[in-house]
Amino acid sequence: MAGPIWIRWLLTVAFLATAGFHVRRLATAGRHPTYPDRDRATDVAHVVMATGMAVMSSPVGGPLSPASWLTLFCVLTACAAFRGRPDLALAGAAMAYMLAAGQHDAHHMSGPWVIHQPGLALPFIAWTLAVYFLGYAVWTVTRPACVPRVVMALGMSYMLATAV
C-alpha cells in the first residue's frame, strides 16, 4: 500500500482495533443466548478481513504469503455469498482483487511478507470499489455499531485508491 507512513500506521492500528472489537464480541457471545449464529459468522469474517487489512496497510507487512491471504479471502468471499451476505462477499472479493491484481514478480510473491506497491491491474475496478466503500461508509454511519464498519469501509476505500 502506498501513502504516508503515518497514515499506514494509523490504519494498521485502526484495523487491529476493529479486529479486537470483533474478537471481543466472539469471546462474549456465549454469555448472550440471543447472539445469533449469523452474527458469529459475520464477526469471524470481520476478524479475518480486519487482520488482513492491517497486514496490507502495515509498513512491515505480515507473516503470511500473498497466496495464503488470497486463498483465505476467496474462501471468505464464497462463504459470505453462500450465507447471503453480499456486503461481506464484495469486501472479500475486493481484498482478493487487491492481492491478485497487484505485483506478481518473484520479489513480491515469494516472500512471507505482504508488500504492496501501487499499480493494480484493471484500475477501473479499484476505483469503482473505492467509491462503493466510501458510499457504504456514509450509509453505515446511521446504523447501530457503526464505528468498526465505518473504519473498515473507509480503510478499504483508501487502500484501493492508493493501490491504483
Protein backbone atom coordinates (compact mmCIF):
# COMPACT_ATOMS: atom_id res chain seq x y z
CA MET A 1 0.00 0.00 0.00
CA ALA A 2 1.23 3.46 -0.81
CA GLY A 3 0.77 6.60 1.19
CA PRO A 4 2.49 8.42 4.03
CA ILE A 5 3.95 6.17 6.71
CA TRP A 6 1.91 7.79 9.49
CA ILE A 7 -1.35 7.04 7.66
CA ARG A 8 -0.26 3.43 7.16
CA TRP A 9 0.47 3.06 10.89
CA LEU A 10 -2.81 4.78 11.78
CA LEU A 11 -4.73 2.38 9.52
CA THR A 12 -2.85 -0.60 10.94
CA VAL A 13 -3.82 0.35 14.48
CA ALA A 14 -7.43 1.10 13.46
CA PHE A 15 -7.77 -2.25 11.68
CA LEU A 16 -6.25 -4.15 14.61
CA ALA A 17 -8.64 -2.35 16.98
CA THR A 18 -11.53 -3.34 14.71
CA ALA A 19 -10.36 -6.96 14.72
CA GLY A 20 -10.12 -6.77 18.51
CA PHE A 21 -13.68 -5.44 18.73
CA HIS A 22 -14.98 -8.45 16.79
CA VAL A 23 -12.82 -10.89 18.77
CA ARG A 24 -14.34 -9.47 21.95
CA ARG A 25 -17.84 -9.95 20.52
CA LEU A 26 -16.98 -13.57 19.71
CA ALA A 27 -15.48 -14.16 23.15
CA THR A 28 -18.57 -12.85 24.93
CA ALA A 29 -21.11 -14.46 22.59
CA GLY A 30 -21.54 -17.45 24.92
CA ARG A 31 -22.85 -15.16 27.65
CA HIS A 32 -25.57 -13.82 25.37
CA PRO A 33 -28.04 -16.57 24.40
CA THR A 34 -29.66 -14.22 21.88
CA TYR A 35 -26.40 -13.85 19.92
CA PRO A 36 -27.32 -15.45 16.55
CA ASP A 37 -25.02 -17.76 14.60
CA ARG A 38 -25.29 -15.39 11.65
CA ASP A 39 -23.59 -12.71 13.76
CA ARG A 40 -20.89 -15.19 14.79
CA ALA A 41 -20.04 -15.91 11.15
CA THR A 42 -20.06 -12.19 10.40
CA ASP A 43 -17.75 -11.46 13.32
CA VAL A 44 -15.31 -14.17 12.20
CA ALA A 45 -15.33 -12.67 8.70
CA HIS A 46 -14.66 -9.21 10.12
CA VAL A 47 -11.75 -10.51 12.22
CA VAL A 48 -10.17 -12.09 9.12
CA MET A 49 -10.77 -9.00 6.98
CA ALA A 50 -9.58 -6.50 9.59
CA THR A 51 -6.44 -8.56 10.24
CA GLY A 52 -5.76 -8.82 6.51
CA MET A 53 -6.27 -5.09 6.08
CA ALA A 54 -3.91 -4.42 8.99
CA VAL A 55 -1.25 -6.54 7.30
CA MET A 56 -1.83 -4.88 3.93
CA SER A 57 -1.58 -1.37 5.36
CA SER A 58 1.26 -2.10 7.79
CA PRO A 59 4.65 -0.74 6.76
CA VAL A 60 6.23 -4.05 7.81
CA GLY A 61 3.74 -6.47 6.24
CA GLY A 62 2.76 -9.76 7.80
CA PRO A 63 3.94 -13.33 8.16
CA LEU A 64 1.65 -14.97 5.58
CA SER A 65 2.39 -15.01 1.87
CA PRO A 66 0.10 -13.16 -0.55
CA ALA A 67 -1.06 -16.55 -1.90
CA SER A 68 -2.18 -17.57 1.60
CA TRP A 69 -4.15 -14.36 2.07
CA LEU A 70 -5.62 -14.70 -1.43
CA THR A 71 -6.85 -18.20 -0.61
CA LEU A 72 -8.30 -17.02 2.69
CA PHE A 73 -10.18 -14.13 1.07
CA CYS A 74 -11.51 -16.35 -1.73
CA VAL A 75 -12.88 -18.78 0.88
CA LEU A 76 -14.33 -15.89 2.89
CA THR A 77 -15.98 -14.47 -0.24
CA ALA A 78 -17.52 -17.83 -1.15
CA CYS A 79 -18.81 -18.41 2.39
CA ALA A 80 -20.30 -14.90 2.61
CA ALA A 81 -22.00 -15.32 -0.77
CA PHE A 82 -23.34 -18.74 0.25
CA ARG A 83 -24.71 -17.33 3.53
CA GLY A 84 -26.45 -14.47 1.71
CA ARG A 85 -24.15 -11.65 2.85
CA PRO A 86 -23.41 -9.65 -0.32
CA ASP A 87 -21.68 -6.85 1.62
CA LEU A 88 -19.12 -9.27 3.10
CA ALA A 89 -18.80 -11.12 -0.21
CA LEU A 90 -17.97 -7.88 -2.01
CA ALA A 91 -15.48 -6.88 0.68
CA GLY A 92 -13.79 -10.29 0.47
CA ALA A 93 -13.71 -10.05 -3.31
CA ALA A 94 -12.17 -6.56 -3.07
CA MET A 95 -9.43 -7.91 -0.79
CA ALA A 96 -8.81 -10.81 -3.18
CA TYR A 97 -8.72 -8.36 -6.09
CA MET A 98 -6.07 -6.20 -4.38
CA LEU A 99 -3.88 -9.27 -3.89
CA ALA A 100 -4.50 -10.83 -7.31
CA ALA A 101 -4.24 -7.60 -9.33
CA GLY A 102 -1.08 -6.39 -7.61
CA GLN A 103 2.59 -7.01 -8.30
CA HIS A 104 3.41 -10.54 -9.44
CA ASP A 105 7.18 -10.65 -9.65
CA ALA A 106 9.23 -13.12 -7.60
CA HIS A 107 10.20 -10.50 -5.03
CA HIS A 108 6.59 -9.61 -4.21
CA MET A 109 5.02 -13.07 -4.33
CA SER A 110 7.60 -15.48 -2.92
CA GLY A 111 8.40 -13.84 0.40
CA PRO A 112 6.43 -14.30 3.60
CA TRP A 113 5.59 -10.59 3.84
CA VAL A 114 2.81 -8.81 2.00
CA ILE A 115 4.39 -5.73 0.44
CA HIS A 116 2.15 -3.61 -1.75
CA GLN A 117 3.23 -1.22 -4.42
CA PRO A 118 0.90 0.98 -6.48
CA GLY A 119 -0.10 -0.33 -9.88
CA LEU A 120 -3.14 -2.61 -9.72
CA ALA A 121 -4.30 -4.23 -12.94
CA LEU A 122 -7.71 -3.05 -14.15
CA PRO A 123 -7.74 0.19 -12.13
CA PHE A 124 -11.39 0.85 -13.09
CA ILE A 125 -12.36 -1.98 -10.73
CA ALA A 126 -10.33 -0.43 -7.91
CA TRP A 127 -11.90 3.00 -8.40
CA THR A 128 -15.41 1.53 -8.60
CA LEU A 129 -14.87 -0.43 -5.39
CA ALA A 130 -13.30 2.59 -3.67
CA VAL A 131 -16.37 4.71 -4.47
CA TYR A 132 -18.68 1.90 -3.34
CA PHE A 133 -16.91 1.53 0.03
CA LEU A 134 -16.89 5.30 0.53
CA GLY A 135 -20.65 5.33 -0.05
CA TYR A 136 -21.06 2.31 2.22
CA ALA A 137 -19.20 4.17 4.98
CA VAL A 138 -21.52 7.16 4.65
CA TRP A 139 -24.59 4.90 4.70
CA THR A 140 -23.25 2.87 7.64
CA VAL A 141 -22.86 5.94 9.88
CA THR A 142 -26.60 5.78 10.50
CA ARG A 143 -26.55 2.10 11.54
CA PRO A 144 -26.00 0.55 15.00
CA ALA A 145 -22.44 -0.49 15.91
CA CYS A 146 -21.22 1.63 13.04
CA VAL A 147 -17.69 2.61 14.08
CA PRO A 148 -15.95 -0.70 13.19
CA ARG A 149 -17.82 -0.91 9.88
CA VAL A 150 -17.04 2.71 9.02
CA VAL A 151 -13.34 2.11 9.81
CA MET A 152 -13.32 -0.96 7.55
CA ALA A 153 -15.18 0.77 4.70
CA LEU A 154 -13.12 3.97 4.77
CA GLY A 155 -9.91 1.97 5.11
CA MET A 156 -10.85 -0.27 2.19
CA SER A 157 -11.68 2.77 0.05
CA TYR A 158 -8.34 4.41 0.91
CA MET A 159 -6.38 1.20 0.29
CA LEU A 160 -8.00 0.70 -3.12
CA ALA A 161 -7.46 4.32 -4.16
CA THR A 162 -3.78 4.34 -3.16
CA ALA A 163 -3.11 0.97 -4.78
CA VAL A 164 -4.01 2.17 -8.28
